[in-house]
Amino acid sequence: MELKDRWVNFRIRDVYLPDPQVVLVELFGSDLLQGQVVDLSDSGRTREAFAVVKVDGLSQPLVVPVDRILGVV
């Protein structure tokens, strides 16, 4: 089968170049996520504090700078 000029399907994890993380950031880097804060560094009050956030659908919690949280539900 000739592949040149054909549309194909593949998984992001199978991308060889660029790094799959670069692909995700370019495709979805501006999307908003919502999750539950499960822990905070420094009580979350200092400027350099981080929140540990559990997001449905992800196997690991995310670590996000508190000053980058856009809203609270």
PDB file of N, CA and C in Angstrom:
ATOM      1  N   MET A   1       0.833  -1.175   0.000  1.00  0.00           N
ATOM      2  CA  MET A   1       0.000   0.000   0.000  1.00  0.00           C
ATOM      3  C   MET A   1       0.886   1.250   0.000  1.00  0.00           C
ATOM      4  N   GLU A   2       0.577   2.174  -0.837  1.00  0.00           N
ATOM      5  CA  GLU A   2       1.294   3.444  -0.917  1.00  0.00           C
ATOM      6  C   GLU A   2       0.792   4.372   0.178  1.00  0.00           C
ATOM      7  N   LEU A   3       1.683   4.869   1.053  1.00  0.00           N
ATOM      8  CA  LEU A   3       1.288   5.723   2.163  1.00  0.00           C
ATOM      9  C   LEU A   3       1.445   7.212   1.876  1.00  0.00           C
ATOM     10  N   LYS A   4       2.327   7.553   0.974  1.00  0.00           N
ATOM     11  CA  LYS A   4       2.581   8.962   0.704  1.00  0.00           C
ATOM     12  C   LYS A   4       1.292   9.658   0.283  1.00  0.00           C
ATOM     13  N   ASP A   5       1.044  10.828   0.909  1.00  0.00           N
ATOM     14  CA  ASP A   5      -0.141  11.657   0.666  1.00  0.00           C
ATOM     15  C   ASP A   5      -1.426  11.041   1.196  1.00  0.00           C
ATOM     16  N   ARG A   6      -1.334  10.015   2.040  1.00  0.00           N
ATOM     17  CA  ARG A   6      -2.516   9.390   2.630  1.00  0.00           C
ATOM     18  C   ARG A   6      -2.661   9.865   4.075  1.00  0.00           C
ATOM     19  N   TRP A   7      -3.883   9.946   4.559  1.00  0.00           N
ATOM     20  CA  TRP A   7      -4.153  10.236   5.964  1.00  0.00           C
ATOM     21  C   TRP A   7      -4.031   8.930   6.724  1.00  0.00           C
ATOM     22  N   VAL A   8      -3.404   8.966   7.901  1.00  0.00           N
ATOM     23  CA  VAL A   8      -3.193   7.758   8.690  1.00  0.00           C
ATOM     24  C   VAL A   8      -3.581   8.014  10.150  1.00  0.00           C
ATOM     25  N   ASN A   9      -3.764   6.947  10.901  1.00  0.00           N
ATOM     26  CA  ASN A   9      -4.058   7.013  12.334  1.00  0.00           C
ATOM     27  C   ASN A   9      -2.892   6.426  13.114  1.00  0.00           C
ATOM     28  N   PHE A  10      -2.606   7.027  14.285  1.00  0.00           N
ATOM     29  CA  PHE A  10      -1.549   6.499  15.150  1.00  0.00           C
ATOM     30  C   PHE A  10      -1.728   7.088  16.532  1.00  0.00           C
ATOM     31  N   ARG A  11      -1.097   6.487  17.507  1.00  0.00           N
ATOM     32  CA  ARG A  11      -1.172   6.944  18.896  1.00  0.00           C
ATOM     33  C   ARG A  11      -0.079   7.979  19.174  1.00  0.00           C
ATOM     34  N   ILE A  12      -0.393   8.942  20.006  1.00  0.00           N
ATOM     35  CA  ILE A  12       0.592   9.963  20.373  1.00  0.00           C
ATOM     36  C   ILE A  12       1.818   9.313  20.989  1.00  0.00           C
ATOM     37  N   ARG A  13       1.634   8.272  21.791  1.00  0.00           N
ATOM     38  CA  ARG A  13       2.766   7.625  22.446  1.00  0.00           C
ATOM     39  C   ARG A  13       3.717   6.957  21.465  1.00  0.00           C
ATOM     40  N   ASP A  14       3.282   6.726  20.222  1.00  0.00           N
ATOM     41  CA  ASP A  14       4.120   6.091  19.217  1.00  0.00           C
ATOM     42  C   ASP A  14       4.914   7.083  18.369  1.00  0.00           C
ATOM     43  N   VAL A  15       4.732   8.383  18.611  1.00  0.00           N
ATOM     44  CA  VAL A  15       5.474   9.401  17.856  1.00  0.00           C
ATOM     45  C   VAL A  15       6.949   9.303  18.225  1.00  0.00           C
ATOM     46  N   TYR A  16       7.799   9.293  17.232  1.00  0.00           N
ATOM     47  CA  TYR A  16       9.241   9.195  17.450  1.00  0.00           C
ATOM     48  C   TYR A  16       9.861  10.585  17.592  1.00  0.00           C
ATOM     49  N   LEU A  17       9.535  11.492  16.714  1.00  0.00           N
ATOM     50  CA  LEU A  17       9.995  12.882  16.754  1.00  0.00           C
ATOM     51  C   LEU A  17       8.833  13.793  16.404  1.00  0.00           C
ATOM     52  N   PRO A  18       8.638  14.911  17.026  1.00  0.00           N
ATOM     53  CA  PRO A  18       9.300  15.351  18.241  1.00  0.00           C
ATOM     54  C   PRO A  18       8.806  14.522  19.426  1.00  0.00           C
ATOM     55  N   ASP A  19       9.334  14.811  20.578  1.00  0.00           N
ATOM     56  CA  ASP A  19       8.920  14.117  21.794  1.00  0.00           C
ATOM     57  C   ASP A  19       7.399  14.204  21.940  1.00  0.00           C
ATOM     58  N   PRO A  20       6.734  13.111  22.310  1.00  0.00           N
ATOM     59  CA  PRO A  20       5.274  13.134  22.457  1.00  0.00           C
ATOM     60  C   PRO A  20       4.762  14.250  23.378  1.00  0.00           C
ATOM     61  N   GLN A  21       5.550  14.651  24.367  1.00  0.00           N
ATOM     62  CA  GLN A  21       5.133  15.750  25.232  1.00  0.00           C
ATOM     63  C   GLN A  21       5.004  17.047  24.455  1.00  0.00           C
ATOM     64  N   VAL A  22       5.876  17.265  23.484  1.00  0.00           N
ATOM     65  CA  VAL A  22       5.807  18.461  22.654  1.00  0.00           C
ATOM     66  C   VAL A  22       4.511  18.445  21.843  1.00  0.00           C
ATOM     67  N   VAL A  23       4.151  17.283  21.323  1.00  0.00           N
ATOM     68  CA  VAL A  23       2.917  17.147  20.548  1.00  0.00           C
ATOM     69  C   VAL A  23       1.710  17.494  21.417  1.00  0.00           C
ATOM     70  N   LEU A  24       1.679  16.951  22.628  1.00  0.00           N
ATOM     71  CA  LEU A  24       0.557  17.211  23.527  1.00  0.00           C
ATOM     72  C   LEU A  24       0.442  18.686  23.882  1.00  0.00           C
ATOM     73  N   VAL A  25       1.567  19.324  24.157  1.00  0.00           N
ATOM     74  CA  VAL A  25       1.543  20.738  24.507  1.00  0.00           C
ATOM     75  C   VAL A  25       1.042  21.566  23.337  1.00  0.00           C
ATOM     76  N   GLU A  26       1.491  21.264  22.136  1.00  0.00           N
ATOM     77  CA  GLU A  26       1.054  22.036  20.973  1.00  0.00           C
ATOM     78  C   GLU A  26      -0.421  21.811  20.663  1.00  0.00           C
ATOM     79  N   LEU A  27      -0.909  20.588  20.828  1.00  0.00           N
ATOM     80  CA  LEU A  27      -2.308  20.291  20.535  1.00  0.00           C
ATOM     81  C   LEU A  27      -3.256  20.743  21.640  1.00  0.00           C
ATOM     82  N   PHE A  28      -2.856  20.526  22.886  1.00  0.00           N
ATOM     83  CA  PHE A  28      -3.785  20.705  23.990  1.00  0.00           C
ATOM     84  C   PHE A  28      -3.275  21.631  25.096  1.00  0.00           C
ATOM     85  N   GLY A  29      -2.170  22.317  24.871  1.00  0.00           N
ATOM     86  CA  GLY A  29      -1.549  23.128  25.912  1.00  0.00           C
ATOM     87  C   GLY A  29      -2.418  24.243  26.464  1.00  0.00           C
ATOM     88  N   SER A  30      -3.402  24.701  25.712  1.00  0.00           N
ATOM     89  CA  SER A  30      -4.273  25.779  26.186  1.00  0.00           C
ATOM     90  C   SER A  30      -5.598  25.270  26.742  1.00  0.00           C
ATOM     91  N   ASP A  31      -5.840  23.969  26.669  1.00  0.00           N
ATOM     92  CA  ASP A  31      -7.071  23.398  27.215  1.00  0.00           C
ATOM     93  C   ASP A  31      -7.075  23.529  28.740  1.00  0.00           C
ATOM     94  N   LEU A  32      -8.262  23.714  29.297  1.00  0.00           N
ATOM     95  CA  LEU A  32      -8.395  23.791  30.746  1.00  0.00           C
ATOM     96  C   LEU A  32      -8.708  22.415  31.310  1.00  0.00           C
ATOM     97  N   LEU A  33      -8.075  22.081  32.423  1.00  0.00           N
ATOM     98  CA  LEU A  33      -8.365  20.846  33.144  1.00  0.00           C
ATOM     99  C   LEU A  33      -9.029  21.219  34.462  1.00  0.00           C
ATOM    100  N   GLN A  34      -9.783  20.274  35.013  1.00  0.00           N
ATOM    101  CA  GLN A  34     -10.413  20.479  36.304  1.00  0.00           C
ATOM    102  C   GLN A  34     -10.095  19.279  37.174  1.00  0.00           C
ATOM    103  N   GLY A  35      -9.736  19.538  38.411  1.00  0.00           N
ATOM    104  CA  GLY A  35      -9.426  18.450  39.312  1.00  0.00           C
ATOM    105  C   GLY A  35      -9.566  18.882  40.754  1.00  0.00           C
ATOM    106  N   GLN A  36      -9.329  17.938  41.651  1.00  0.00           N
ATOM    107  CA  GLN A  36      -9.457  18.170  43.088  1.00  0.00           C
ATOM    108  C   GLN A  36      -8.079  18.280  43.721  1.00  0.00           C
ATOM    109  N   VAL A  37      -7.856  19.353  44.458  1.00  0.00           N
ATOM    110  CA  VAL A  37      -6.589  19.529  45.168  1.00  0.00           C
ATOM    111  C   VAL A  37      -6.556  18.530  46.320  1.00  0.00           C
ATOM    112  N   VAL A  38      -5.516  17.683  46.328  1.00  0.00           N
ATOM    113  CA  VAL A  38      -5.381  16.664  47.372  1.00  0.00           C
ATOM    114  C   VAL A  38      -4.244  16.973  48.342  1.00  0.00           C
ATOM    115  N   ASP A  39      -3.382  17.924  47.966  1.00  0.00           N
ATOM    116  CA  ASP A  39      -2.292  18.301  48.869  1.00  0.00           C
ATOM    117  C   ASP A  39      -1.710  19.630  48.407  1.00  0.00           C
ATOM    118  N   LEU A  40      -1.042  20.313  49.316  1.00  0.00           N
ATOM    119  CA  LEU A  40      -0.398  21.590  49.017  1.00  0.00           C
ATOM    120  C   LEU A  40       0.987  21.608  49.636  1.00  0.00           C
ATOM    121  N   SER A  41       1.914  22.280  48.964  1.00  0.00           N
ATOM    122  CA  SER A  41       3.210  22.542  49.579  1.00  0.00           C
ATOM    123  C   SER A  41       3.091  23.873  50.310  1.00  0.00           C
ATOM    124  N   ASP A  42       3.778  24.030  51.412  1.00  0.00           N
ATOM    125  CA  ASP A  42       3.788  25.305  52.160  1.00  0.00           C
ATOM    126  C   ASP A  42       2.391  25.833  52.459  1.00  0.00           C
ATOM    127  N   SER A  43       1.437  24.959  52.692  1.00  0.00           N
ATOM    128  CA  SER A  43       0.044  25.329  52.971  1.00  0.00           C
ATOM    129  C   SER A  43      -0.608  26.075  51.814  1.00  0.00           C
ATOM    130  N   GLY A  44       0.100  26.186  50.685  1.00  0.00           N
ATOM    131  CA  GLY A  44      -0.452  26.844  49.507  1.00  0.00           C
ATOM    132  C   GLY A  44      -0.465  28.352  49.585  1.00  0.00           C
ATOM    133  N   ARG A  45       0.149  28.929  50.607  1.00  0.00           N
ATOM    134  CA  ARG A  45       0.064  30.379  50.805  1.00  0.00           C
ATOM    135  C   ARG A  45       1.233  31.157  50.212  1.00  0.00           C
ATOM    136  N   THR A  46       2.386  30.535  50.097  1.00  0.00           N
ATOM    137  CA  THR A  46       3.534  31.270  49.558  1.00  0.00           C
ATOM    138  C   THR A  46       3.466  31.312  48.043  1.00  0.00           C
ATOM    139  N   ARG A  47       4.141  32.272  47.483  1.00  0.00           N
ATOM    140  CA  ARG A  47       4.106  32.463  46.034  1.00  0.00           C
ATOM    141  C   ARG A  47       4.644  31.244  45.276  1.00  0.00           C
ATOM    142  N   GLU A  48       5.584  30.544  45.852  1.00  0.00           N
ATOM    143  CA  GLU A  48       6.205  29.396  45.198  1.00  0.00           C
ATOM    144  C   GLU A  48       5.489  28.079  45.512  1.00  0.00           C
ATOM    145  N   ALA A  49       4.305  28.135  46.104  1.00  0.00           N
ATOM    146  CA  ALA A  49       3.584  26.928  46.519  1.00  0.00           C
ATOM    147  C   ALA A  49       3.069  26.144  45.310  1.00  0.00           C
ATOM    148  N   PHE A  50       2.906  24.849  45.524  1.00  0.00           N
ATOM    149  CA  PHE A  50       2.374  23.960  44.501  1.00  0.00           C
ATOM    150  C   PHE A  50       1.157  23.222  45.043  1.00  0.00           C
ATOM    151  N   ALA A  51       0.236  22.909  44.145  1.00  0.00           N
ATOM    152  CA  ALA A  51      -0.931  22.098  44.492  1.00  0.00           C
ATOM    153  C   ALA A  51      -0.783  20.747  43.814  1.00  0.00           C
ATOM    154  N   VAL A  52      -1.130  19.689  44.522  1.00  0.00           N
ATOM    155  CA  VAL A  52      -1.204  18.350  43.949  1.00  0.00           C
ATOM    156  C   VAL A  52      -2.672  18.138  43.610  1.00  0.00           C
ATOM    157  N   VAL A  53      -2.950  17.913  42.327  1.00  0.00           N
ATOM    158  CA  VAL A  53      -4.332  17.884  41.845  1.00  0.00           C
ATOM    159  C   VAL A  53      -4.637  16.538  41.207  1.00  0.00           C
ATOM    160  N   LYS A  54      -5.735  15.916  41.651  1.00  0.00           N
ATOM    161  CA  LYS A  54      -6.207  14.655  41.073  1.00  0.00           C
ATOM    162  C   LYS A  54      -7.219  14.995  39.981  1.00  0.00           C
ATOM    163  N   VAL A  55      -6.943  14.514  38.772  1.00  0.00           N
ATOM    164  CA  VAL A  55      -7.799  14.769  37.615  1.00  0.00           C
ATOM    165  C   VAL A  55      -8.389  13.445  37.152  1.00  0.00           C
ATOM    166  N   ASP A  56      -9.715  13.383  37.029  1.00  0.00           N
ATOM    167  CA  ASP A  56     -10.364  12.169  36.532  1.00  0.00           C
ATOM    168  C   ASP A  56      -9.801  11.805  35.159  1.00  0.00           C
ATOM    169  N   GLY A  57      -9.503  10.538  34.972  1.00  0.00           N
ATOM    170  CA  GLY A  57      -8.979  10.060  33.698  1.00  0.00           C
ATOM    171  C   GLY A  57      -7.469   9.966  33.638  1.00  0.00           C
ATOM    172  N   LEU A  58      -6.787  10.552  34.611  1.00  0.00           N
ATOM    173  CA  LEU A  58      -5.324  10.472  34.665  1.00  0.00           C
ATOM    174  C   LEU A  58      -4.924   9.572  35.818  1.00  0.00           C
ATOM    175  N   SER A  59      -3.931   8.730  35.600  1.00  0.00           N
ATOM    176  CA  SER A  59      -3.534   7.762  36.620  1.00  0.00           C
ATOM    177  C   SER A  59      -2.697   8.384  37.735  1.00  0.00           C
ATOM    178  N   GLN A  60      -2.045   9.491  37.467  1.00  0.00           N
ATOM    179  CA  GLN A  60      -1.208  10.141  38.471  1.00  0.00           C
ATOM    180  C   GLN A  60      -1.705  11.561  38.717  1.00  0.00           C
ATOM    181  N   PRO A  61      -1.581  12.038  39.951  1.00  0.00           N
ATOM    182  CA  PRO A  61      -1.957  13.431  40.200  1.00  0.00           C
ATOM    183  C   PRO A  61      -0.969  14.378  39.518  1.00  0.00           C
ATOM    184  N   LEU A  62      -1.423  15.588  39.280  1.00  0.00           N
ATOM    185  CA  LEU A  62      -0.603  16.612  38.639  1.00  0.00           C
ATOM    186  C   LEU A  62      -0.114  17.591  39.701  1.00  0.00           C
ATOM    187  N   VAL A  63       1.059  18.147  39.489  1.00  0.00           N
ATOM    188  CA  VAL A  63       1.601  19.180  40.369  1.00  0.00           C
ATOM    189  C   VAL A  63       1.555  20.490  39.594  1.00  0.00           C
ATOM    190  N   VAL A  64       0.849  21.470  40.168  1.00  0.00           N
ATOM    191  CA  VAL A  64       0.604  22.743  39.483  1.00  0.00           C
ATOM    192  C   VAL A  64       0.977  23.885  40.417  1.00  0.00           C
ATOM    193  N   PRO A  65       1.706  24.897  39.931  1.00  0.00           N
ATOM    194  CA  PRO A  65       1.965  26.062  40.776  1.00  0.00           C
ATOM    195  C   PRO A  65       0.631  26.706  41.185  1.00  0.00           C
ATOM    196  N   VAL A  66       0.492  27.023  42.461  1.00  0.00           N
ATOM    197  CA  VAL A  66      -0.756  27.596  42.962  1.00  0.00           C
ATOM    198  C   VAL A  66      -1.100  28.885  42.239  1.00  0.00           C
ATOM    199  N   ASP A  67      -0.097  29.699  41.920  1.00  0.00           N
ATOM    200  CA  ASP A  67      -0.394  30.981  41.253  1.00  0.00           C
ATOM    201  C   ASP A  67      -0.844  30.816  39.806  1.00  0.00           C
ATOM    202  N   ARG A  68      -0.844  29.588  39.279  1.00  0.00           N
ATOM    203  CA  ARG A  68      -1.311  29.331  37.916  1.00  0.00           C
ATOM    204  C   ARG A  68      -2.734  28.754  37.895  1.00  0.00           C
ATOM    205  N   ILE A  69      -3.322  28.516  39.071  1.00  0.00           N
ATOM    206  CA  ILE A  69      -4.700  28.042  39.143  1.00  0.00           C
ATOM    207  C   ILE A  69      -5.618  29.201  38.749  1.00  0.00           C
ATOM    208  N   LEU A  70      -6.483  28.949  37.771  1.00  0.00           N
ATOM    209  CA  LEU A  70      -7.287  30.010  37.186  1.00  0.00           C
ATOM    210  C   LEU A  70      -8.623  30.237  37.885  1.00  0.00           C
ATOM    211  N   GLY A  71      -9.091  29.266  38.617  1.00  0.00           N
ATOM    212  CA  GLY A  71     -10.366  29.435  39.299  1.00  0.00           C
ATOM    213  C   GLY A  71     -10.618  28.294  40.244  1.00  0.00           C
ATOM    214  N   VAL A  72     -11.570  28.511  41.145  1.00  0.00           N
ATOM    215  CA  VAL A  72     -11.948  27.502  42.135  1.00  0.00           C
ATOM    216  C   VAL A  72     -13.442  27.262  41.983  1.00  0.00           C
ATOM    217  N   VAL A  73     -13.830  25.996  41.901  1.00  0.00           N
ATOM    218  CA  VAL A  73     -15.240  25.648  41.725  1.00  0.00           C
ATOM    219  C   VAL A  73     -15.855  25.333  43.070  1.00  0.00           C
TER     220      VAL A  73
END
